[in-house]
Amino acid sequence: MLTERWRLNADVAYLPWTDFKGRDHHLLRPTTMFDEQRSNGGRGVQVEGVLSYFVTRNFSVGVGGRYWAMWTNSRSDSLCSSSGCVEPTMLAKYSMERWGTFFQASYKLD
């Protein structure tokens, strides 16, 4: 609790292992290939923070933010299609980042 009515919460999570499977869709081309890129052994992190205000002892409203990030090792990629999986000559590194904000309301029963 920051004061009697304000509270700040924060969470951090570490992902020690991630898997990735992506499919490249070129649907605007006359011939479409559905090759998949796969990778495993990556890492990730999630961070979240919420600032809440207690309107009453049991009811609070808040605003928060959340960030996710995941990435793969460039040493563990493979390219897969309908004919099977092969090790590519040029390794790629994949990553994903997402963020967002949210509003919340909470009521605590006694």
C-alpha atoms as a PDB file:
ATOM      1  CA  MET A   1       0.000   0.000   0.000  1.00  0.00           C
ATOM      2  CA  LEU A   2       1.337   3.418  -0.967  1.00  0.00           C
ATOM      3  CA  THR A   3      -1.204   5.237   1.221  1.00  0.00           C
ATOM      4  CA  GLU A   4      -4.444   4.258   2.917  1.00  0.00           C
ATOM      5  CA  ARG A   5      -6.324   4.256  -0.442  1.00  0.00           C
ATOM      6  CA  TRP A   6      -3.609   3.705  -3.089  1.00  0.00           C
ATOM      7  CA  ARG A   7      -1.922   0.376  -3.819  1.00  0.00           C
ATOM      8  CA  LEU A   8       0.767  -0.521  -6.354  1.00  0.00           C
ATOM      9  CA  ASN A   9       1.240  -4.152  -7.443  1.00  0.00           C
ATOM     10  CA  ALA A  10       3.960  -5.476  -9.734  1.00  0.00           C
ATOM     11  CA  ASP A  11       4.663  -8.977 -11.045  1.00  0.00           C
ATOM     12  CA  VAL A  12       7.588 -10.288 -13.064  1.00  0.00           C
ATOM     13  CA  ALA A  13       7.711 -13.751 -14.620  1.00  0.00           C
ATOM     14  CA  TYR A  14      10.657 -15.382 -16.392  1.00  0.00           C
ATOM     15  CA  LEU A  15      10.062 -18.065 -19.030  1.00  0.00           C
ATOM     16  CA  PRO A  16      13.027 -20.457 -19.015  1.00  0.00           C
ATOM     17  CA  TRP A  17      11.853 -22.344 -22.129  1.00  0.00           C
ATOM     18  CA  THR A  18       9.820 -21.346 -25.184  1.00  0.00           C
ATOM     19  CA  ASP A  19       8.804 -23.157 -28.355  1.00  0.00           C
ATOM     20  CA  PHE A  20       7.950 -21.447 -31.618  1.00  0.00           C
ATOM     21  CA  LYS A  21       6.007 -22.671 -34.628  1.00  0.00           C
ATOM     22  CA  GLY A  22       5.161 -20.138 -37.319  1.00  0.00           C
ATOM     23  CA  ARG A  23       3.525 -20.509 -40.694  1.00  0.00           C
ATOM     24  CA  ASP A  24       4.129 -18.090 -43.550  1.00  0.00           C
ATOM     25  CA  HIS A  25       0.883 -17.472 -45.449  1.00  0.00           C
ATOM     26  CA  HIS A  26       1.104 -15.579 -48.747  1.00  0.00           C
ATOM     27  CA  LEU A  27      -2.590 -15.671 -49.592  1.00  0.00           C
ATOM     28  CA  LEU A  28      -2.414 -12.875 -52.187  1.00  0.00           C
ATOM     29  CA  ARG A  29      -0.058 -14.857 -54.429  1.00  0.00           C
ATOM     30  CA  PRO A  30      -1.364 -17.243 -57.122  1.00  0.00           C
ATOM     31  CA  THR A  31       0.580 -20.149 -55.580  1.00  0.00           C
ATOM     32  CA  THR A  32       0.579 -20.362 -51.800  1.00  0.00           C
ATOM     33  CA  MET A  33       3.278 -22.123 -49.793  1.00  0.00           C
ATOM     34  CA  PHE A  34       2.638 -23.117 -46.214  1.00  0.00           C
ATOM     35  CA  ASP A  35       6.194 -23.630 -44.985  1.00  0.00           C
ATOM     36  CA  GLU A  36       6.632 -23.608 -41.227  1.00  0.00           C
ATOM     37  CA  GLN A  37       9.503 -22.239 -39.199  1.00  0.00           C
ATOM     38  CA  ARG A  38      10.136 -23.992 -35.889  1.00  0.00           C
ATOM     39  CA  SER A  39      12.459 -23.327 -33.016  1.00  0.00           C
ATOM     40  CA  ASN A  40      12.743 -24.258 -29.365  1.00  0.00           C
ATOM     41  CA  GLY A  41      14.964 -23.524 -26.413  1.00  0.00           C
ATOM     42  CA  GLY A  42      14.207 -19.800 -26.290  1.00  0.00           C
ATOM     43  CA  ARG A  43      13.469 -17.591 -23.308  1.00  0.00           C
ATOM     44  CA  GLY A  44      10.867 -15.014 -22.326  1.00  0.00           C
ATOM     45  CA  VAL A  45       9.652 -12.510 -19.760  1.00  0.00           C
ATOM     46  CA  GLN A  46       6.350 -11.001 -18.619  1.00  0.00           C
ATOM     47  CA  VAL A  47       6.038  -7.800 -16.542  1.00  0.00           C
ATOM     48  CA  GLU A  48       2.795  -6.416 -15.122  1.00  0.00           C
ATOM     49  CA  GLY A  49       1.993  -3.412 -12.927  1.00  0.00           C
ATOM     50  CA  VAL A  50      -1.328  -2.190 -11.481  1.00  0.00           C
ATOM     51  CA  LEU A  51      -2.126   1.042  -9.636  1.00  0.00           C
ATOM     52  CA  SER A  52      -5.377   0.693  -7.644  1.00  0.00           C
ATOM     53  CA  TYR A  53      -7.513   3.194  -5.741  1.00  0.00           C
ATOM     54  CA  PHE A  54      -9.804   1.984  -2.934  1.00  0.00           C
ATOM     55  CA  VAL A  55     -13.143   3.797  -3.299  1.00  0.00           C
ATOM     56  CA  THR A  56     -14.410   1.964  -0.206  1.00  0.00           C
ATOM     57  CA  ARG A  57     -12.806  -0.629   2.035  1.00  0.00           C
ATOM     58  CA  ASN A  58     -14.068  -3.427  -0.255  1.00  0.00           C
ATOM     59  CA  PHE A  59     -14.284  -1.802  -3.706  1.00  0.00           C
ATOM     60  CA  SER A  60     -11.297  -0.647  -5.768  1.00  0.00           C
ATOM     61  CA  VAL A  61     -10.628   0.520  -9.327  1.00  0.00           C
ATOM     62  CA  GLY A  62      -7.301   0.434 -11.095  1.00  0.00           C
ATOM     63  CA  VAL A  63      -5.265   0.874 -14.231  1.00  0.00           C
ATOM     64  CA  GLY A  64      -2.398  -1.329 -15.286  1.00  0.00           C
ATOM     65  CA  GLY A  65       0.031  -2.294 -17.986  1.00  0.00           C
ATOM     66  CA  ARG A  66       1.449  -5.597 -19.180  1.00  0.00           C
ATOM     67  CA  TYR A  67       4.450  -6.471 -21.371  1.00  0.00           C
ATOM     68  CA  TRP A  68       5.350  -9.884 -22.848  1.00  0.00           C
ATOM     69  CA  ALA A  69       8.492 -10.801 -24.763  1.00  0.00           C
ATOM     70  CA  MET A  70       9.646 -14.184 -26.059  1.00  0.00           C
ATOM     71  CA  TRP A  71      12.604 -15.045 -28.280  1.00  0.00           C
ATOM     72  CA  THR A  72      14.303 -18.127 -29.666  1.00  0.00           C
ATOM     73  CA  ASN A  73      17.851 -19.317 -29.999  1.00  0.00           C
ATOM     74  CA  SER A  74      19.289 -18.925 -33.481  1.00  0.00           C
ATOM     75  CA  ARG A  75      21.014 -22.311 -33.116  1.00  0.00           C
ATOM     76  CA  SER A  76      17.853 -24.439 -33.053  1.00  0.00           C
ATOM     77  CA  ASP A  77      15.822 -23.494 -36.114  1.00  0.00           C
ATOM     78  CA  SER A  78      14.323 -25.839 -38.674  1.00  0.00           C
ATOM     79  CA  LEU A  79      12.203 -25.294 -41.767  1.00  0.00           C
ATOM     80  CA  CYS A  80       9.309 -27.699 -42.259  1.00  0.00           C
ATOM     81  CA  SER A  81       6.968 -28.230 -45.170  1.00  0.00           C
ATOM     82  CA  SER A  82       4.834 -31.083 -46.479  1.00  0.00           C
ATOM     83  CA  SER A  83       8.001 -32.885 -47.611  1.00  0.00           C
ATOM     84  CA  GLY A  84       9.580 -32.902 -44.119  1.00  0.00           C
ATOM     85  CA  CYS A  85      11.928 -30.803 -41.994  1.00  0.00           C
ATOM     86  CA  VAL A  86      15.380 -29.608 -43.017  1.00  0.00           C
ATOM     87  CA  GLU A  87      18.080 -27.607 -41.288  1.00  0.00           C
ATOM     88  CA  PRO A  88      18.360 -24.263 -43.092  1.00  0.00           C
ATOM     89  CA  THR A  89      21.733 -22.946 -44.227  1.00  0.00           C
ATOM     90  CA  MET A  90      20.987 -19.506 -42.771  1.00  0.00           C
ATOM     91  CA  LEU A  91      19.699 -19.620 -39.209  1.00  0.00           C
ATOM     92  CA  ALA A  92      17.086 -17.113 -38.148  1.00  0.00           C
ATOM     93  CA  LYS A  93      16.171 -15.741 -34.750  1.00  0.00           C
ATOM     94  CA  TYR A  94      12.482 -15.252 -33.950  1.00  0.00           C
ATOM     95  CA  SER A  95      11.051 -12.889 -31.364  1.00  0.00           C
ATOM     96  CA  MET A  96       7.666 -11.632 -30.214  1.00  0.00           C
ATOM     97  CA  GLU A  97       6.743  -8.606 -28.116  1.00  0.00           C
ATOM     98  CA  ARG A  98       3.287  -7.574 -26.913  1.00  0.00           C
ATOM     99  CA  TRP A  99       2.150  -4.839 -24.587  1.00  0.00           C
ATOM    100  CA  GLY A 100      -1.158  -3.542 -23.415  1.00  0.00           C
ATOM    101  CA  THR A 101      -3.003  -1.477 -20.852  1.00  0.00           C
ATOM    102  CA  PHE A 102      -6.136  -2.363 -18.944  1.00  0.00           C
ATOM    103  CA  PHE A 103      -8.671  -1.041 -16.442  1.00  0.00           C
ATOM    104  CA  GLN A 104     -10.059  -3.147 -13.651  1.00  0.00           C
ATOM    105  CA  ALA A 105     -12.570  -3.034 -10.830  1.00  0.00           C
ATOM    106  CA  SER A 106     -12.491  -5.302  -7.812  1.00  0.00           C
ATOM    107  CA  TYR A 107     -14.902  -6.062  -4.984  1.00  0.00           C
ATOM    108  CA  LYS A 108     -13.706  -8.020  -1.955  1.00  0.00           C
ATOM    109  CA  LEU A 109     -16.225 -10.038   0.057  1.00  0.00           C
ATOM    110  CA  ASP A 110     -15.751 -10.156   3.819  1.00  0.00           C
END
